[in-house]
N, C-alpha and C. Protein backbone atom coordinates (compact mmCIF):
# COMPACT_ATOMS: atom_id res chain seq x y z
N MET A 1 0.63 -1.42 -0.04
CA MET A 1 -0.22 -0.21 -0.46
C MET A 1 0.90 1.29 -0.18
N GLU A 2 0.78 2.14 -0.95
CA GLU A 2 1.26 3.44 -0.40
C GLU A 2 1.14 3.77 0.40
N ASP A 3 1.48 5.37 0.21
CA ASP A 3 2.21 6.14 1.78
C ASP A 3 0.26 7.02 1.71
N ASN A 4 0.64 7.31 0.16
CA ASN A 4 -1.55 8.23 0.34
C ASN A 4 -2.34 7.44 0.55
N GLU A 5 -2.49 5.95 -0.29
CA GLU A 5 -3.53 4.77 -0.06
C GLU A 5 -3.27 5.04 1.78
N LEU A 6 -2.73 4.36 2.23
CA LEU A 6 -2.64 4.50 3.88
C LEU A 6 -3.04 5.51 4.26
N LYS A 7 -2.89 6.93 3.47
CA LYS A 7 -3.64 8.09 4.67
C LYS A 7 -5.03 7.83 4.86
N ASP A 8 -5.39 7.76 3.10
CA ASP A 8 -6.92 7.84 2.79
C ASP A 8 -7.38 6.61 3.58
N GLU A 9 -6.83 5.63 3.21
CA GLU A 9 -7.28 3.91 4.66
C GLU A 9 -7.64 4.68 6.02
N MET A 10 -6.24 5.42 6.39
CA MET A 10 -6.61 5.44 8.33
C MET A 10 -7.82 6.88 8.13
N LEU A 11 -8.41 7.89 7.04
CA LEU A 11 -9.16 8.61 7.19
C LEU A 11 -10.47 7.87 7.06
N LYS A 12 -10.92 6.90 6.82
CA LYS A 12 -12.24 6.36 6.75
C LYS A 12 -12.91 6.05 8.10
N LEU A 13 -13.73 6.70 8.52
CA LEU A 13 -14.57 7.18 9.16
C LEU A 13 -14.98 5.67 9.99
N ASP A 14 -15.22 4.15 9.54
CA ASP A 14 -14.50 2.83 10.31
C ASP A 14 -13.33 2.94 10.68
N ASN A 15 -12.69 3.31 10.85
CA ASN A 15 -10.82 3.00 10.79
C ASN A 15 -10.83 4.25 12.19
N GLN A 16 -12.02 5.13 12.72
CA GLN A 16 -11.31 5.79 13.90
C GLN A 16 -11.76 4.85 15.19
N LEU A 17 -10.70 5.15 15.94
CA LEU A 17 -10.97 4.83 17.38
C LEU A 17 -12.04 5.57 18.12
N CYS A 18 -11.58 6.70 17.70
CA CYS A 18 -12.87 7.79 18.39
C CYS A 18 -14.20 7.49 17.83
N PHE A 19 -14.24 7.45 16.68
CA PHE A 19 -15.72 6.83 16.17
C PHE A 19 -16.56 5.78 16.65
N ALA A 20 -15.56 4.80 17.00
CA ALA A 20 -16.21 3.60 17.15
C ALA A 20 -16.66 3.50 18.49
N ILE A 21 -15.68 4.43 20.09
CA ILE A 21 -16.19 4.84 21.15
C ILE A 21 -17.14 5.97 21.43
N TYR A 22 -17.40 6.78 20.07
CA TYR A 22 -17.92 7.48 20.27
C TYR A 22 -20.00 6.70 19.91
N ALA A 23 -19.74 6.78 18.78
CA ALA A 23 -20.93 5.32 18.54
C ALA A 23 -21.72 4.20 18.99
N CYS A 24 -20.52 3.58 20.16
CA CYS A 24 -20.36 2.43 20.80
C CYS A 24 -21.34 3.22 22.32
N SER A 25 -21.05 4.69 22.34
CA SER A 25 -20.97 5.23 23.81
C SER A 25 -22.78 5.67 23.48
N LYS A 26 -22.86 6.05 22.04
CA LYS A 26 -24.78 6.33 22.19
C LYS A 26 -25.55 5.22 22.30
N GLU A 27 -24.60 4.09 22.04
CA GLU A 27 -25.86 3.15 21.85
C GLU A 27 -26.01 2.19 23.64
N ILE A 28 -25.16 2.30 24.38
CA ILE A 28 -25.09 2.05 25.36
C ILE A 28 -26.10 3.08 26.37
N ILE A 29 -26.43 3.95 25.90
CA ILE A 29 -26.73 5.60 26.22
C ILE A 29 -28.05 4.92 26.58
N LYS A 30 -28.48 4.74 25.24
CA LYS A 30 -30.07 4.57 24.53
C LYS A 30 -30.02 3.21 25.06
N GLY A 31 -29.14 1.78 25.53
CA GLY A 31 -30.17 0.79 25.98
C GLY A 31 -30.78 1.27 27.29
N TYR A 32 -29.93 2.21 28.16
CA TYR A 32 -30.25 2.74 29.35
C TYR A 32 -31.66 3.33 29.44
N ARG A 33 -32.27 4.06 28.36
CA ARG A 33 -33.06 5.18 28.25
C ARG A 33 -34.40 4.52 28.65
N PRO A 34 -34.58 3.49 28.44
CA PRO A 34 -36.05 2.58 28.87
C PRO A 34 -36.23 2.39 30.81
N TYR A 35 -35.13 2.06 31.34
CA TYR A 35 -34.43 1.50 32.65
C TYR A 35 -34.77 3.22 32.92
N LEU A 36 -33.93 3.67 32.68
CA LEU A 36 -33.86 5.15 33.61
C LEU A 36 -35.36 6.28 33.45
N ASP A 37 -35.68 5.95 32.13
CA ASP A 37 -37.36 6.97 32.21
C ASP A 37 -38.16 5.77 33.74
N GLU A 38 -38.12 4.96 33.56
CA GLU A 38 -39.30 4.40 34.63
C GLU A 38 -38.19 5.11 36.11
N LEU A 39 -37.73 5.19 35.97
CA LEU A 39 -37.20 5.82 37.39
C LEU A 39 -37.41 7.44 37.37
N GLY A 40 -37.00 8.22 36.10
CA GLY A 40 -37.16 9.78 35.73
C GLY A 40 -35.94 10.74 36.07
N LEU A 41 -34.51 9.26 35.65
CA LEU A 41 -33.41 9.94 35.20
C LEU A 41 -33.12 10.55 33.79
N THR A 42 -32.10 11.14 33.72
CA THR A 42 -31.22 10.84 32.41
C THR A 42 -30.28 10.22 33.23
N TYR A 43 -28.94 9.95 31.71
CA TYR A 43 -27.94 9.06 32.04
C TYR A 43 -27.11 9.93 32.96
N THR A 44 -27.09 10.80 32.59
CA THR A 44 -26.03 11.83 33.71
C THR A 44 -26.43 12.05 35.09
N GLN A 45 -27.22 12.07 35.21
CA GLN A 45 -28.22 12.25 36.54
C GLN A 45 -27.87 10.54 37.28
N TYR A 46 -27.99 9.97 36.46
CA TYR A 46 -27.95 7.93 37.26
C TYR A 46 -26.27 8.18 37.99
N ILE A 47 -25.34 8.44 36.43
CA ILE A 47 -24.18 8.25 36.66
C ILE A 47 -23.41 9.33 38.28
N THR A 48 -24.54 10.30 38.16
CA THR A 48 -24.03 11.19 39.34
C THR A 48 -24.77 10.33 40.40
N LEU A 49 -26.05 9.65 40.34
CA LEU A 49 -26.43 8.88 41.85
C LEU A 49 -25.17 8.18 41.68
N LEU A 50 -25.01 6.95 40.99
CA LEU A 50 -23.91 6.06 41.28
C LEU A 50 -22.25 6.54 41.89
N SER A 51 -22.21 7.34 41.90
CA SER A 51 -21.19 8.14 42.50
C SER A 51 -21.43 8.28 43.56
N LEU A 52 -22.70 8.39 43.83
CA LEU A 52 -22.65 9.28 45.60
C LEU A 52 -22.94 7.99 46.73
N TRP A 53 -24.07 6.82 45.86
CA TRP A 53 -23.91 5.83 46.39
C TRP A 53 -22.70 5.66 46.81
N GLU A 54 -21.63 5.56 46.16
CA GLU A 54 -20.11 5.28 46.47
C GLU A 54 -19.60 5.52 47.65
N LYS A 55 -19.65 6.98 47.57
CA LYS A 55 -19.36 7.85 48.53
C LYS A 55 -20.25 9.31 48.54
N ASP A 56 -20.91 9.07 49.92
CA ASP A 56 -21.63 10.60 49.62
C ASP A 56 -21.06 11.98 50.22
N GLY A 57 -21.72 12.30 50.63
CA GLY A 57 -20.80 14.07 51.01
C GLY A 57 -19.41 14.19 50.30
N VAL A 58 -19.48 14.76 49.29
CA VAL A 58 -18.49 14.88 48.64
C VAL A 58 -18.74 16.82 48.07
N THR A 59 -17.65 17.29 47.15
CA THR A 59 -17.46 18.69 47.61
C THR A 59 -18.13 18.19 45.39
N VAL A 60 -18.84 19.76 45.19
CA VAL A 60 -19.13 19.64 44.12
C VAL A 60 -17.72 19.54 42.66
N LYS A 61 -16.32 20.33 43.53
CA LYS A 61 -15.17 20.09 42.56
C LYS A 61 -15.15 17.94 42.45
N GLU A 62 -15.09 17.95 43.88
CA GLU A 62 -14.86 16.23 43.78
C GLU A 62 -15.63 15.16 42.75
N LEU A 63 -16.47 15.42 43.32
CA LEU A 63 -17.95 15.09 41.65
C LEU A 63 -17.72 15.28 40.33
N GLY A 64 -17.52 16.59 40.08
CA GLY A 64 -16.66 16.76 38.66
C GLY A 64 -15.44 15.86 38.37
N ASN A 65 -14.60 15.69 39.62
CA ASN A 65 -13.31 15.42 38.61
C ASN A 65 -13.71 13.47 38.57
N LYS A 66 -14.94 13.10 39.49
CA LYS A 66 -14.95 11.29 39.53
C LYS A 66 -15.34 11.64 37.90
N LEU A 67 -16.82 12.07 37.18
CA LEU A 67 -18.07 12.19 36.55
C LEU A 67 -17.29 12.55 35.40
N TYR A 68 -15.98 13.18 35.43
CA TYR A 68 -15.29 14.07 33.91
C TYR A 68 -16.62 14.77 33.25
N LEU A 69 -16.83 15.87 34.71
CA LEU A 69 -17.90 17.13 34.08
C LEU A 69 -17.55 18.33 34.32
N ASP A 70 -17.92 19.27 34.03
CA ASP A 70 -17.22 21.10 34.27
C ASP A 70 -18.24 20.95 35.19
N SER A 71 -17.58 22.23 35.83
CA SER A 71 -19.14 23.00 36.94
C SER A 71 -20.02 23.53 35.97
N GLY A 72 -19.92 23.45 34.50
CA GLY A 72 -21.21 24.41 33.94
C GLY A 72 -21.80 23.46 33.31
N THR A 73 -21.66 22.04 33.39
CA THR A 73 -22.62 20.88 32.52
C THR A 73 -23.29 20.40 34.56
N LEU A 74 -22.16 20.20 35.81
CA LEU A 74 -22.99 20.01 36.74
C LEU A 74 -23.78 20.28 37.40
N THR A 75 -23.27 21.61 37.47
CA THR A 75 -24.19 22.99 38.37
C THR A 75 -26.24 22.41 37.89
N PRO A 76 -26.24 22.46 37.03
CA PRO A 76 -27.49 22.58 36.63
C PRO A 76 -27.74 21.12 36.78
N LEU A 77 -27.61 20.41 36.36
CA LEU A 77 -27.90 18.79 36.80
C LEU A 77 -27.83 18.32 38.04
N LEU A 78 -27.12 19.07 39.12
CA LEU A 78 -27.59 19.23 40.38
C LEU A 78 -28.34 19.92 40.98
N LYS A 79 -29.23 20.92 40.19
CA LYS A 79 -30.24 21.41 40.92
C LYS A 79 -31.63 21.26 40.48
N LYS A 80 -31.19 20.17 39.08
CA LYS A 80 -32.33 19.10 39.43
C LYS A 80 -32.58 18.13 39.89
N LEU A 81 -31.43 17.57 40.24
CA LEU A 81 -31.11 16.47 41.31
C LEU A 81 -31.60 16.97 42.77
N GLU A 82 -31.79 18.11 43.05
CA GLU A 82 -31.57 19.15 44.14
C GLU A 82 -33.54 19.11 44.62
N ALA A 83 -34.12 19.44 43.11
CA ALA A 83 -35.25 19.89 42.61
C ALA A 83 -36.03 18.83 43.19
N SER A 84 -35.27 17.60 42.53
CA SER A 84 -36.19 16.51 42.54
C SER A 84 -36.31 15.51 44.34
N ASN A 85 -35.34 16.31 44.86
CA ASN A 85 -35.43 15.94 46.06
C ASN A 85 -34.27 14.41 46.34
N LEU A 86 -33.66 14.03 45.48
CA LEU A 86 -32.43 12.97 45.46
C LEU A 86 -31.11 13.86 46.02
N ILE A 87 -30.80 15.23 46.16
CA ILE A 87 -29.56 15.02 46.67
C ILE A 87 -29.32 16.56 47.24
N GLU A 88 -29.36 17.05 48.09
CA GLU A 88 -28.57 18.40 48.66
C GLU A 88 -27.62 19.28 48.70
N ARG A 89 -27.92 20.51 48.33
CA ARG A 89 -26.31 20.74 48.05
C ARG A 89 -26.38 21.63 49.65
N ILE A 90 -24.66 21.75 50.21
CA ILE A 90 -24.56 22.39 51.43
C ILE A 90 -23.22 23.14 51.23
N ARG A 91 -23.52 24.46 52.12
CA ARG A 91 -22.21 25.10 52.37
C ARG A 91 -21.28 24.48 53.34
N ASP A 92 -20.22 23.99 52.99
CA ASP A 92 -19.23 23.41 54.00
C ASP A 92 -18.83 24.23 54.95
N LYS A 93 -18.61 24.04 56.36
CA LYS A 93 -19.44 25.47 57.00
C LYS A 93 -17.54 25.64 57.45
N GLU A 94 -16.63 24.97 57.51
CA GLU A 94 -15.24 25.06 57.31
C GLU A 94 -14.66 26.01 55.90
N ASP A 95 -15.21 25.96 54.77
CA ASP A 95 -14.70 26.54 54.03
C ASP A 95 -16.19 26.93 52.95
N GLU A 96 -16.60 28.13 53.18
CA GLU A 96 -17.82 28.18 52.06
C GLU A 96 -17.66 28.54 51.13
N ARG A 97 -16.42 28.60 50.54
CA ARG A 97 -16.44 27.65 48.88
C ARG A 97 -16.50 26.89 48.58
N ASN A 98 -16.33 26.31 49.50
CA ASN A 98 -17.03 24.61 49.10
C ASN A 98 -18.33 24.39 48.88
N VAL A 99 -18.86 23.42 48.24
CA VAL A 99 -20.46 23.12 48.03
C VAL A 99 -20.51 21.52 48.46
N ILE A 100 -21.02 21.26 49.80
CA ILE A 100 -20.89 19.06 49.82
C ILE A 100 -22.15 18.91 49.26
N ILE A 101 -21.98 17.91 48.69
CA ILE A 101 -23.84 17.35 47.82
C ILE A 101 -23.62 16.22 48.38
N LYS A 102 -25.07 16.23 49.18
CA LYS A 102 -25.11 14.74 50.52
C LYS A 102 -26.63 14.32 49.53
N LEU A 103 -27.01 12.96 49.58
CA LEU A 103 -27.74 12.21 49.30
C LEU A 103 -29.40 12.07 50.15
N THR A 104 -30.23 12.29 50.27
CA THR A 104 -31.45 12.87 51.05
C THR A 104 -31.93 11.18 50.88
N GLU A 105 -32.69 11.25 52.06
CA GLU A 105 -33.38 9.96 52.31
C GLU A 105 -33.81 8.95 50.55
N GLU A 106 -34.60 10.21 49.93
CA GLU A 106 -35.06 9.67 48.41
C GLU A 106 -33.97 9.41 47.76
N GLY A 107 -32.77 9.74 47.83
CA GLY A 107 -31.75 9.83 47.27
C GLY A 107 -31.01 8.28 47.42
N LYS A 108 -30.56 7.93 48.24
CA LYS A 108 -30.54 6.72 48.54
C LYS A 108 -31.73 5.34 48.44
N ASN A 109 -32.87 5.64 48.56
CA ASN A 109 -33.67 4.92 48.30
C ASN A 109 -33.87 4.48 46.69
N LYS A 110 -33.60 5.29 46.17
CA LYS A 110 -33.53 5.63 44.50
C LYS A 110 -33.21 4.39 44.45
N LYS A 111 -31.27 3.68 44.99
CA LYS A 111 -30.09 2.81 44.91
C LYS A 111 -31.61 1.53 44.62
N LEU A 112 -32.06 1.35 45.22
CA LEU A 112 -33.38 -0.22 45.45
C LEU A 112 -33.76 0.26 43.99
N SER A 113 -34.46 0.80 43.94
CA SER A 113 -34.84 0.70 42.29
C SER A 113 -34.15 0.96 40.67
N ALA A 114 -33.02 1.17 41.69
CA ALA A 114 -32.36 1.29 40.37
C ALA A 114 -31.04 -0.13 40.11
N GLY A 115 -31.13 -1.13 41.26
CA GLY A 115 -30.35 -1.94 41.24
C GLY A 115 -30.01 -2.87 39.98
N CYS A 116 -30.83 -2.83 39.33
CA CYS A 116 -31.66 -4.15 38.64
C CYS A 116 -30.88 -3.32 37.37
N ILE A 117 -30.14 -2.32 36.84
CA ILE A 117 -30.40 -2.02 35.37
C ILE A 117 -29.07 -2.04 35.06
N PRO A 118 -27.58 -2.52 35.92
CA PRO A 118 -26.46 -3.66 35.09
C PRO A 118 -26.70 -4.28 34.50
N GLN A 119 -27.65 -5.65 35.49
CA GLN A 119 -27.88 -7.07 35.42
C GLN A 119 -28.67 -6.92 33.64
N LYS A 120 -29.72 -5.71 33.27
CA LYS A 120 -30.44 -6.11 32.12
C LYS A 120 -29.65 -4.99 31.37
N LEU A 121 -28.85 -4.46 31.43
CA LEU A 121 -27.95 -3.79 30.44
C LEU A 121 -26.76 -4.79 29.76
N LEU A 122 -26.66 -5.54 30.99
CA LEU A 122 -25.56 -6.71 30.54
C LEU A 122 -26.57 -7.84 29.30
N GLU A 123 -27.37 -8.59 29.92
CA GLU A 123 -28.46 -9.02 29.35
C GLU A 123 -28.61 -8.18 27.74
N ASN A 124 -28.55 -7.18 27.72
CA ASN A 124 -29.08 -6.80 25.93
C ASN A 124 -27.22 -6.82 25.66
N THR A 125 -26.61 -6.89 25.88
CA THR A 125 -25.21 -6.73 24.21
C THR A 125 -25.10 -8.17 24.53
N LYS A 126 -25.78 -9.15 24.74
CA LYS A 126 -25.93 -10.77 24.55
C LYS A 126 -24.27 -11.08 24.20
N LEU A 127 -23.39 -10.30 24.92
CA LEU A 127 -21.97 -10.76 25.45
C LEU A 127 -21.75 -11.35 26.79
N SER A 128 -20.54 -12.24 26.68
CA SER A 128 -20.73 -12.52 28.38
C SER A 128 -20.04 -11.71 29.08
N PRO A 129 -19.93 -11.64 30.60
CA PRO A 129 -19.58 -10.93 31.69
C PRO A 129 -18.28 -11.12 30.93
N GLU A 130 -17.54 -11.79 30.88
CA GLU A 130 -15.65 -11.97 31.14
C GLU A 130 -15.31 -10.96 29.90
N LYS A 131 -16.07 -11.05 28.76
CA LYS A 131 -16.12 -10.11 27.57
C LYS A 131 -16.56 -8.58 28.15
N LEU A 132 -16.91 -8.49 28.88
CA LEU A 132 -17.25 -7.27 29.30
C LEU A 132 -16.46 -6.54 29.70
N PHE A 133 -16.21 -7.33 30.92
CA PHE A 133 -15.31 -6.63 31.53
C PHE A 133 -13.88 -6.71 31.48
N SER A 134 -13.44 -7.41 30.24
CA SER A 134 -12.58 -7.10 29.06
C SER A 134 -12.35 -5.95 28.68
N ILE A 135 -13.35 -5.48 28.04
CA ILE A 135 -13.62 -4.26 27.12
C ILE A 135 -13.54 -2.82 28.30
N ARG A 136 -14.13 -2.96 29.16
CA ARG A 136 -14.09 -1.90 30.52
C ARG A 136 -12.86 -2.40 30.61
N GLU A 137 -12.08 -2.85 31.00
CA GLU A 137 -10.72 -2.76 31.22
C GLU A 137 -9.61 -2.01 30.60
N SER A 138 -10.25 -2.00 29.16
CA SER A 138 -9.20 -1.64 28.06
C SER A 138 -9.32 -0.04 28.10
N MET A 139 -10.93 0.08 28.06
CA MET A 139 -11.31 1.37 28.23
C MET A 139 -10.92 2.47 29.33
N LYS A 140 -10.49 1.42 30.41
CA LYS A 140 -10.17 2.48 31.22
C LYS A 140 -8.59 2.79 31.14
N ALA A 141 -7.65 2.07 30.94
CA ALA A 141 -6.20 1.65 30.33
C ALA A 141 -6.53 3.36 29.46
N LEU A 142 -7.20 2.98 28.20
CA LEU A 142 -6.82 3.89 27.64
C LEU A 142 -7.42 5.33 28.44
N LEU A 143 -8.41 5.38 28.87
CA LEU A 143 -8.45 6.80 29.15
C LEU A 143 -7.64 7.04 30.82
N GLU A 144 -7.16 6.28 30.75
CA GLU A 144 -6.19 6.64 32.13
C GLU A 144 -4.72 6.98 31.50
N SER A 145 -4.54 6.40 29.99
CA SER A 145 -3.43 6.76 28.96
C SER A 145 -3.38 7.84 28.66
N MET A 146 -4.68 8.29 28.20
CA MET A 146 -5.06 9.70 27.65
C MET A 146 -4.56 10.82 28.67
N ARG A 147 -4.92 10.91 30.04
CA ARG A 147 -5.03 11.88 31.50
C ARG A 147 -3.84 12.42 31.14
């Protein structure tokens, strides 16, 4: 293959790692939609709650770092979760510049309703748990290498 042919081949959409990841991400998120609709959540609200179920009482900055979300995206998201009575935002008494995000009782209880979602998504992929684990670990390694 000549140099120009190789460059042309490399510029095909189907040969782009970024496009494969982008398209796959969209399909995965679409797969979550029916289950999250039942809970009245968007995908971004869901991953926010996942993070808080793991570790409650974190600052907005910590949460943003964990979720790879900037404050322009996170602030309206948190306002909606607060309006839905799933979280509360509390000024840190020691440093008023920080806002602490805490789950409400309703937010904690939402975890019970969401417990079946990962299994349903696993079943929808028709891939083995081992294959999905391998893909996830590869994606985490790629993410870490790009940070």
